[in-house]
Amino acid sequence: MNNLTMKDVDVLSHLLSGEEIACKKARVYANTLTDTALAREMENIANAHAERFSALFALLGGKQ
């Protein structure tokens, strides 16, 4: 178990929310863009947000 304070948990929760929203938006953009190069880049951005989400979630002691 991590020795996180309530403030730490609050900050991590806020960051998780932001990463989740950014990932979802990037995936929507990737699916709606008609330029394949831009769509691919947006998918890469979505994947980067998903990786950060997973890393932050792990700090909270979550399992994926």
N, C-alpha and C. Protein backbone atom coordinates (compact mmCIF):
# COMPACT_ATOMS: atom_id res chain seq x y z
N MET A 1 0.84 -1.19 0.00
CA MET A 1 0.00 0.00 0.00
C MET A 1 0.87 1.23 0.00
N ASN A 2 0.49 2.18 -0.81
CA ASN A 2 1.21 3.45 -0.88
C ASN A 2 0.88 4.31 0.34
N ASN A 3 1.82 5.14 0.73
CA ASN A 3 1.59 6.08 1.83
C ASN A 3 1.17 7.42 1.25
N LEU A 4 0.03 7.45 0.61
CA LEU A 4 -0.46 8.67 -0.02
C LEU A 4 -1.35 9.43 0.94
N THR A 5 -1.19 10.74 0.93
CA THR A 5 -2.08 11.58 1.73
C THR A 5 -3.38 11.79 0.95
N MET A 6 -4.36 12.32 1.61
CA MET A 6 -5.62 12.62 0.94
C MET A 6 -5.41 13.64 -0.17
N LYS A 7 -4.50 14.57 0.05
CA LYS A 7 -4.19 15.57 -0.98
C LYS A 7 -3.58 14.87 -2.20
N ASP A 8 -2.67 13.91 -1.97
CA ASP A 8 -2.07 13.16 -3.07
C ASP A 8 -3.15 12.43 -3.88
N VAL A 9 -4.05 11.79 -3.18
CA VAL A 9 -5.13 11.05 -3.84
C VAL A 9 -6.01 12.00 -4.63
N ASP A 10 -6.29 13.17 -4.06
CA ASP A 10 -7.11 14.17 -4.74
C ASP A 10 -6.43 14.64 -6.03
N VAL A 11 -5.14 14.94 -5.96
CA VAL A 11 -4.40 15.40 -7.13
C VAL A 11 -4.33 14.30 -8.18
N LEU A 12 -4.03 13.08 -7.77
CA LEU A 12 -3.96 11.96 -8.72
C LEU A 12 -5.32 11.71 -9.38
N SER A 13 -6.38 11.84 -8.62
CA SER A 13 -7.73 11.65 -9.17
C SER A 13 -8.03 12.71 -10.22
N HIS A 14 -7.64 13.94 -9.93
CA HIS A 14 -7.83 15.04 -10.88
C HIS A 14 -7.04 14.77 -12.16
N LEU A 15 -5.80 14.34 -12.03
CA LEU A 15 -4.96 14.03 -13.19
C LEU A 15 -5.53 12.87 -13.99
N LEU A 16 -6.03 11.85 -13.30
CA LEU A 16 -6.65 10.71 -13.98
C LEU A 16 -7.84 11.17 -14.83
N SER A 17 -8.65 12.03 -14.27
CA SER A 17 -9.81 12.54 -15.01
C SER A 17 -9.37 13.27 -16.27
N GLY A 18 -8.36 14.10 -16.14
CA GLY A 18 -7.88 14.84 -17.29
C GLY A 18 -7.31 13.94 -18.37
N GLU A 19 -6.54 12.94 -17.98
CA GLU A 19 -5.96 12.01 -18.95
C GLU A 19 -7.06 11.19 -19.64
N GLU A 20 -8.06 10.79 -18.87
CA GLU A 20 -9.15 10.00 -19.45
C GLU A 20 -9.91 10.83 -20.49
N ILE A 21 -10.22 12.07 -20.16
CA ILE A 21 -10.95 12.94 -21.09
C ILE A 21 -10.12 13.20 -22.33
N ALA A 22 -8.84 13.50 -22.14
CA ALA A 22 -7.97 13.78 -23.29
C ALA A 22 -7.85 12.57 -24.19
N CYS A 23 -7.76 11.39 -23.61
CA CYS A 23 -7.67 10.16 -24.40
C CYS A 23 -8.94 9.95 -25.21
N LYS A 24 -10.09 10.11 -24.58
CA LYS A 24 -11.36 9.92 -25.27
C LYS A 24 -11.53 10.92 -26.41
N LYS A 25 -11.18 12.18 -26.16
CA LYS A 25 -11.30 13.20 -27.20
C LYS A 25 -10.37 12.90 -28.37
N ALA A 26 -9.15 12.51 -28.06
CA ALA A 26 -8.19 12.21 -29.13
C ALA A 26 -8.67 11.03 -29.97
N ARG A 27 -9.28 10.03 -29.34
CA ARG A 27 -9.81 8.89 -30.09
C ARG A 27 -10.98 9.31 -30.99
N VAL A 28 -11.83 10.20 -30.48
CA VAL A 28 -12.93 10.71 -31.30
C VAL A 28 -12.37 11.46 -32.50
N TYR A 29 -11.39 12.33 -32.26
CA TYR A 29 -10.78 13.07 -33.36
C TYR A 29 -10.13 12.11 -34.36
N ALA A 30 -9.44 11.10 -33.87
CA ALA A 30 -8.78 10.14 -34.75
C ALA A 30 -9.80 9.44 -35.65
N ASN A 31 -10.98 9.18 -35.12
CA ASN A 31 -12.01 8.49 -35.89
C ASN A 31 -12.77 9.40 -36.85
N THR A 32 -12.69 10.71 -36.65
CA THR A 32 -13.44 11.63 -37.50
C THR A 32 -12.58 12.35 -38.54
N LEU A 33 -11.27 12.36 -38.33
CA LEU A 33 -10.39 13.03 -39.29
C LEU A 33 -10.34 12.25 -40.60
N THR A 34 -10.35 12.97 -41.70
CA THR A 34 -10.27 12.32 -43.00
C THR A 34 -8.84 12.20 -43.50
N ASP A 35 -7.95 13.01 -42.99
CA ASP A 35 -6.53 12.92 -43.34
C ASP A 35 -5.93 11.77 -42.53
N THR A 36 -5.47 10.73 -43.22
CA THR A 36 -5.00 9.53 -42.52
C THR A 36 -3.76 9.79 -41.67
N ALA A 37 -2.89 10.69 -42.13
CA ALA A 37 -1.69 10.99 -41.34
C ALA A 37 -2.07 11.69 -40.03
N LEU A 38 -3.00 12.63 -40.12
CA LEU A 38 -3.45 13.31 -38.90
C LEU A 38 -4.20 12.35 -37.99
N ALA A 39 -5.02 11.49 -38.56
CA ALA A 39 -5.77 10.51 -37.77
C ALA A 39 -4.81 9.57 -37.04
N ARG A 40 -3.75 9.14 -37.72
CA ARG A 40 -2.75 8.27 -37.10
C ARG A 40 -2.04 8.99 -35.96
N GLU A 41 -1.69 10.24 -36.18
CA GLU A 41 -1.02 11.03 -35.13
C GLU A 41 -1.95 11.23 -33.93
N MET A 42 -3.22 11.47 -34.19
CA MET A 42 -4.17 11.64 -33.09
C MET A 42 -4.33 10.33 -32.33
N GLU A 43 -4.28 9.21 -33.01
CA GLU A 43 -4.33 7.91 -32.33
C GLU A 43 -3.09 7.71 -31.45
N ASN A 44 -1.93 8.15 -31.94
CA ASN A 44 -0.71 8.09 -31.13
C ASN A 44 -0.84 8.95 -29.87
N ILE A 45 -1.45 10.11 -30.03
CA ILE A 45 -1.67 11.00 -28.88
C ILE A 45 -2.62 10.33 -27.88
N ALA A 46 -3.67 9.71 -28.39
CA ALA A 46 -4.62 9.00 -27.51
C ALA A 46 -3.91 7.89 -26.75
N ASN A 47 -3.04 7.16 -27.43
CA ASN A 47 -2.30 6.08 -26.77
C ASN A 47 -1.37 6.62 -25.68
N ALA A 48 -0.76 7.76 -25.93
CA ALA A 48 0.12 8.37 -24.91
C ALA A 48 -0.69 8.76 -23.68
N HIS A 49 -1.89 9.31 -23.88
CA HIS A 49 -2.75 9.65 -22.75
C HIS A 49 -3.17 8.39 -21.99
N ALA A 50 -3.46 7.32 -22.72
CA ALA A 50 -3.85 6.06 -22.08
C ALA A 50 -2.70 5.50 -21.24
N GLU A 51 -1.48 5.61 -21.74
CA GLU A 51 -0.32 5.14 -20.98
C GLU A 51 -0.13 5.95 -19.70
N ARG A 52 -0.30 7.26 -19.81
CA ARG A 52 -0.17 8.10 -18.60
C ARG A 52 -1.28 7.78 -17.61
N PHE A 53 -2.49 7.53 -18.12
CA PHE A 53 -3.60 7.15 -17.24
C PHE A 53 -3.24 5.88 -16.48
N SER A 54 -2.72 4.89 -17.17
CA SER A 54 -2.35 3.63 -16.53
C SER A 54 -1.27 3.82 -15.48
N ALA A 55 -0.29 4.66 -15.78
CA ALA A 55 0.79 4.91 -14.82
C ALA A 55 0.25 5.61 -13.57
N LEU A 56 -0.61 6.58 -13.76
CA LEU A 56 -1.19 7.28 -12.61
C LEU A 56 -2.09 6.35 -11.79
N PHE A 57 -2.84 5.52 -12.49
CA PHE A 57 -3.73 4.58 -11.82
C PHE A 57 -2.92 3.61 -10.97
N ALA A 58 -1.78 3.21 -11.49
CA ALA A 58 -0.89 2.29 -10.73
C ALA A 58 -0.39 2.97 -9.45
N LEU A 59 -0.15 4.27 -9.51
CA LEU A 59 0.30 4.99 -8.30
C LEU A 59 -0.76 4.94 -7.20
N LEU A 60 -2.00 4.87 -7.60
CA LEU A 60 -3.09 4.78 -6.61
C LEU A 60 -3.26 3.37 -6.09
N GLY A 61 -2.49 2.45 -6.63
CA GLY A 61 -2.59 1.07 -6.19
C GLY A 61 -3.59 0.27 -6.98
N GLY A 62 -4.04 0.83 -8.09
CA GLY A 62 -4.99 0.13 -8.95
C GLY A 62 -4.30 -0.93 -9.77
N LYS A 63 -5.09 -1.88 -10.23
CA LYS A 63 -4.56 -2.96 -11.06
C LYS A 63 -5.26 -2.92 -12.40
N GLN A 64 -4.48 -3.13 -13.46
CA GLN A 64 -5.05 -3.19 -14.81
C GLN A 64 -4.50 -4.36 -15.55
